[in-house]
Amino acid sequence: MGDTYKEKKIKVLFVISSVPFSNDFDTIYNLSKVLIKSAEVEFFLTGNGVYYLVRPETEEFSKLGVKIYFCAHAAHQRGIKDIPSWAESSSTYNLSRMMQEADKVISFN
């Protein structure tokens, strides 16, 4: 086992429904920078959180290694058409699956 055993990283899911222009942005960024060192970090953007897709700095999360998903319905409702390549379209059904698979869920709303 010695060399072939790797400890599984915990999975942390951020469910973000707050606008990206609030103080939450800096908090989420700083938490992500620390957590990504020892955990798999995923974001699910929903409600007003889909506006993170239009804030250019959000790409920094992807560069850190964060996987970013968004509710396609919420984006459509808010008129967001230009979807960045670092974000993956998803649904609230997938959010429920992601929540079951996560070790920790942190919500920002």
C-alpha atoms as a PDB file:
ATOM      1  CA  MET A   1       0.000   0.000   0.000  1.00  0.00           C
ATOM      2  CA  GLY A   2       2.693   2.518   0.928  1.00  0.00           C
ATOM      3  CA  ASP A   3       3.326   4.438  -2.289  1.00  0.00           C
ATOM      4  CA  THR A   4       0.052   3.598  -4.016  1.00  0.00           C
ATOM      5  CA  TYR A   5      -2.221   4.851  -1.245  1.00  0.00           C
ATOM      6  CA  LYS A   6      -3.353   8.445  -1.589  1.00  0.00           C
ATOM      7  CA  GLU A   7      -5.587  10.135   0.922  1.00  0.00           C
ATOM      8  CA  LYS A   8      -8.826  11.245  -0.717  1.00  0.00           C
ATOM      9  CA  LYS A   9      -9.375  14.981  -0.653  1.00  0.00           C
ATOM     10  CA  ILE A  10     -12.576  16.176   0.921  1.00  0.00           C
ATOM     11  CA  LYS A  11     -15.059  17.874  -1.375  1.00  0.00           C
ATOM     12  CA  VAL A  12     -16.280  21.356  -0.481  1.00  0.00           C
ATOM     13  CA  LEU A  13     -19.234  22.840  -2.339  1.00  0.00           C
ATOM     14  CA  PHE A  14     -19.964  26.572  -2.287  1.00  0.00           C
ATOM     15  CA  VAL A  15     -23.564  27.384  -3.203  1.00  0.00           C
ATOM     16  CA  ILE A  16     -23.492  31.031  -4.225  1.00  0.00           C
ATOM     17  CA  SER A  17     -26.657  33.053  -4.735  1.00  0.00           C
ATOM     18  CA  SER A  18     -25.325  36.479  -3.686  1.00  0.00           C
ATOM     19  CA  VAL A  19     -24.258  39.076  -6.234  1.00  0.00           C
ATOM     20  CA  PRO A  20     -20.508  39.100  -6.976  1.00  0.00           C
ATOM     21  CA  PHE A  21     -20.204  42.775  -6.112  1.00  0.00           C
ATOM     22  CA  SER A  22     -20.831  42.173  -2.404  1.00  0.00           C
ATOM     23  CA  ASN A  23     -18.233  41.563   0.307  1.00  0.00           C
ATOM     24  CA  ASP A  24     -18.809  37.836  -0.215  1.00  0.00           C
ATOM     25  CA  PHE A  25     -16.549  37.891  -3.286  1.00  0.00           C
ATOM     26  CA  ASP A  26     -13.369  38.543  -1.266  1.00  0.00           C
ATOM     27  CA  THR A  27     -14.409  36.062   1.423  1.00  0.00           C
ATOM     28  CA  ILE A  28     -15.093  33.359  -1.174  1.00  0.00           C
ATOM     29  CA  TYR A  29     -11.808  34.074  -2.962  1.00  0.00           C
ATOM     30  CA  ASN A  30      -9.746  33.898   0.245  1.00  0.00           C
ATOM     31  CA  LEU A  31     -11.495  30.724   1.432  1.00  0.00           C
ATOM     32  CA  SER A  32     -10.966  29.108  -1.968  1.00  0.00           C
ATOM     33  CA  LYS A  33      -7.237  29.907  -1.980  1.00  0.00           C
ATOM     34  CA  VAL A  34      -6.815  28.147   1.354  1.00  0.00           C
ATOM     35  CA  LEU A  35      -9.180  25.210   0.759  1.00  0.00           C
ATOM     36  CA  ILE A  36      -7.923  24.279  -2.718  1.00  0.00           C
ATOM     37  CA  LYS A  37      -4.608  23.208  -1.146  1.00  0.00           C
ATOM     38  CA  SER A  38      -6.253  20.312   0.672  1.00  0.00           C
ATOM     39  CA  ALA A  39      -9.752  19.919  -0.779  1.00  0.00           C
ATOM     40  CA  GLU A  40     -11.620  19.616  -4.043  1.00  0.00           C
ATOM     41  CA  VAL A  41     -13.602  22.857  -4.339  1.00  0.00           C
ATOM     42  CA  GLU A  42     -16.702  23.323  -6.460  1.00  0.00           C
ATOM     43  CA  PHE A  43     -18.983  26.333  -6.918  1.00  0.00           C
ATOM     44  CA  PHE A  44     -22.618  26.235  -7.886  1.00  0.00           C
ATOM     45  CA  LEU A  45     -23.863  29.656  -8.977  1.00  0.00           C
ATOM     46  CA  THR A  46     -27.609  30.154  -8.729  1.00  0.00           C
ATOM     47  CA  GLY A  47     -30.049  33.051  -8.434  1.00  0.00           C
ATOM     48  CA  ASN A  48     -28.129  36.333  -8.484  1.00  0.00           C
ATOM     49  CA  GLY A  49     -24.933  34.324  -8.045  1.00  0.00           C
ATOM     50  CA  VAL A  50     -24.934  33.683 -11.804  1.00  0.00           C
ATOM     51  CA  TYR A  51     -23.753  37.281 -12.175  1.00  0.00           C
ATOM     52  CA  TYR A  52     -20.338  35.912 -11.171  1.00  0.00           C
ATOM     53  CA  LEU A  53     -20.203  34.756 -14.820  1.00  0.00           C
ATOM     54  CA  VAL A  54     -19.942  38.368 -16.001  1.00  0.00           C
ATOM     55  CA  ARG A  55     -17.352  39.538 -13.470  1.00  0.00           C
ATOM     56  CA  PRO A  56     -13.944  39.090 -15.170  1.00  0.00           C
ATOM     57  CA  GLU A  57     -12.158  38.368 -11.868  1.00  0.00           C
ATOM     58  CA  THR A  58     -14.223  35.208 -11.409  1.00  0.00           C
ATOM     59  CA  GLU A  59     -11.910  33.402 -13.830  1.00  0.00           C
ATOM     60  CA  GLU A  60      -9.289  33.532 -11.054  1.00  0.00           C
ATOM     61  CA  PHE A  61     -11.268  30.865  -9.186  1.00  0.00           C
ATOM     62  CA  SER A  62     -10.970  28.538 -12.151  1.00  0.00           C
ATOM     63  CA  LYS A  63      -7.236  29.233 -12.357  1.00  0.00           C
ATOM     64  CA  LEU A  64      -6.958  28.181  -8.691  1.00  0.00           C
ATOM     65  CA  GLY A  65      -8.516  24.825  -9.626  1.00  0.00           C
ATOM     66  CA  VAL A  66     -12.110  25.469  -8.548  1.00  0.00           C
ATOM     67  CA  LYS A  67     -14.759  23.739 -10.688  1.00  0.00           C
ATOM     68  CA  ILE A  68     -17.524  26.217 -11.478  1.00  0.00           C
ATOM     69  CA  TYR A  69     -21.087  25.204 -12.343  1.00  0.00           C
ATOM     70  CA  PHE A  70     -24.096  27.467 -12.826  1.00  0.00           C
ATOM     71  CA  CYS A  71     -27.851  27.131 -13.026  1.00  0.00           C
ATOM     72  CA  ALA A  72     -28.673  27.552 -16.712  1.00  0.00           C
ATOM     73  CA  HIS A  73     -32.237  28.583 -15.912  1.00  0.00           C
ATOM     74  CA  ALA A  74     -31.101  31.370 -13.546  1.00  0.00           C
ATOM     75  CA  ALA A  75     -28.618  32.620 -16.160  1.00  0.00           C
ATOM     76  CA  HIS A  76     -31.314  32.627 -18.836  1.00  0.00           C
ATOM     77  CA  GLN A  77     -33.725  34.510 -16.540  1.00  0.00           C
ATOM     78  CA  ARG A  78     -31.091  37.196 -15.978  1.00  0.00           C
ATOM     79  CA  GLY A  79     -30.216  37.555 -19.653  1.00  0.00           C
ATOM     80  CA  ILE A  80     -26.687  36.147 -19.397  1.00  0.00           C
ATOM     81  CA  LYS A  81     -25.818  34.842 -22.837  1.00  0.00           C
ATOM     82  CA  ASP A  82     -22.024  34.957 -23.052  1.00  0.00           C
ATOM     83  CA  ILE A  83     -20.950  31.991 -20.947  1.00  0.00           C
ATOM     84  CA  PRO A  84     -17.215  31.804 -20.204  1.00  0.00           C
ATOM     85  CA  SER A  85     -15.371  28.600 -21.111  1.00  0.00           C
ATOM     86  CA  TRP A  86     -14.368  27.978 -17.481  1.00  0.00           C
ATOM     87  CA  ALA A  87     -17.995  27.573 -16.325  1.00  0.00           C
ATOM     88  CA  GLU A  88     -20.241  24.566 -16.906  1.00  0.00           C
ATOM     89  CA  SER A  89     -23.996  24.756 -17.405  1.00  0.00           C
ATOM     90  CA  SER A  90     -25.961  22.768 -14.851  1.00  0.00           C
ATOM     91  CA  SER A  91     -29.310  22.582 -13.056  1.00  0.00           C
ATOM     92  CA  THR A  92     -30.830  22.517  -9.595  1.00  0.00           C
ATOM     93  CA  TYR A  93     -31.253  18.762 -10.032  1.00  0.00           C
ATOM     94  CA  ASN A  94     -27.474  18.482 -10.382  1.00  0.00           C
ATOM     95  CA  LEU A  95     -27.091  20.776  -7.372  1.00  0.00           C
ATOM     96  CA  SER A  96     -29.019  18.276  -5.239  1.00  0.00           C
ATOM     97  CA  ARG A  97     -26.671  15.502  -6.419  1.00  0.00           C
ATOM     98  CA  MET A  98     -23.612  17.666  -5.759  1.00  0.00           C
ATOM     99  CA  MET A  99     -24.835  18.430  -2.235  1.00  0.00           C
ATOM    100  CA  GLN A 100     -25.143  14.718  -1.476  1.00  0.00           C
ATOM    101  CA  GLU A 101     -21.613  14.055  -2.751  1.00  0.00           C
ATOM    102  CA  ALA A 102     -19.980  16.978  -0.910  1.00  0.00           C
ATOM    103  CA  ASP A 103     -18.358  16.545   2.465  1.00  0.00           C
ATOM    104  CA  LYS A 104     -19.065  20.193   3.328  1.00  0.00           C
ATOM    105  CA  VAL A 105     -21.531  22.694   1.836  1.00  0.00           C
ATOM    106  CA  ILE A 106     -21.075  26.432   2.377  1.00  0.00           C
ATOM    107  CA  SER A 107     -23.822  28.806   1.269  1.00  0.00           C
ATOM    108  CA  PHE A 108     -23.459  32.482   0.395  1.00  0.00           C
ATOM    109  CA  ASN A 109     -26.733  34.305  -0.139  1.00  0.00           C
END
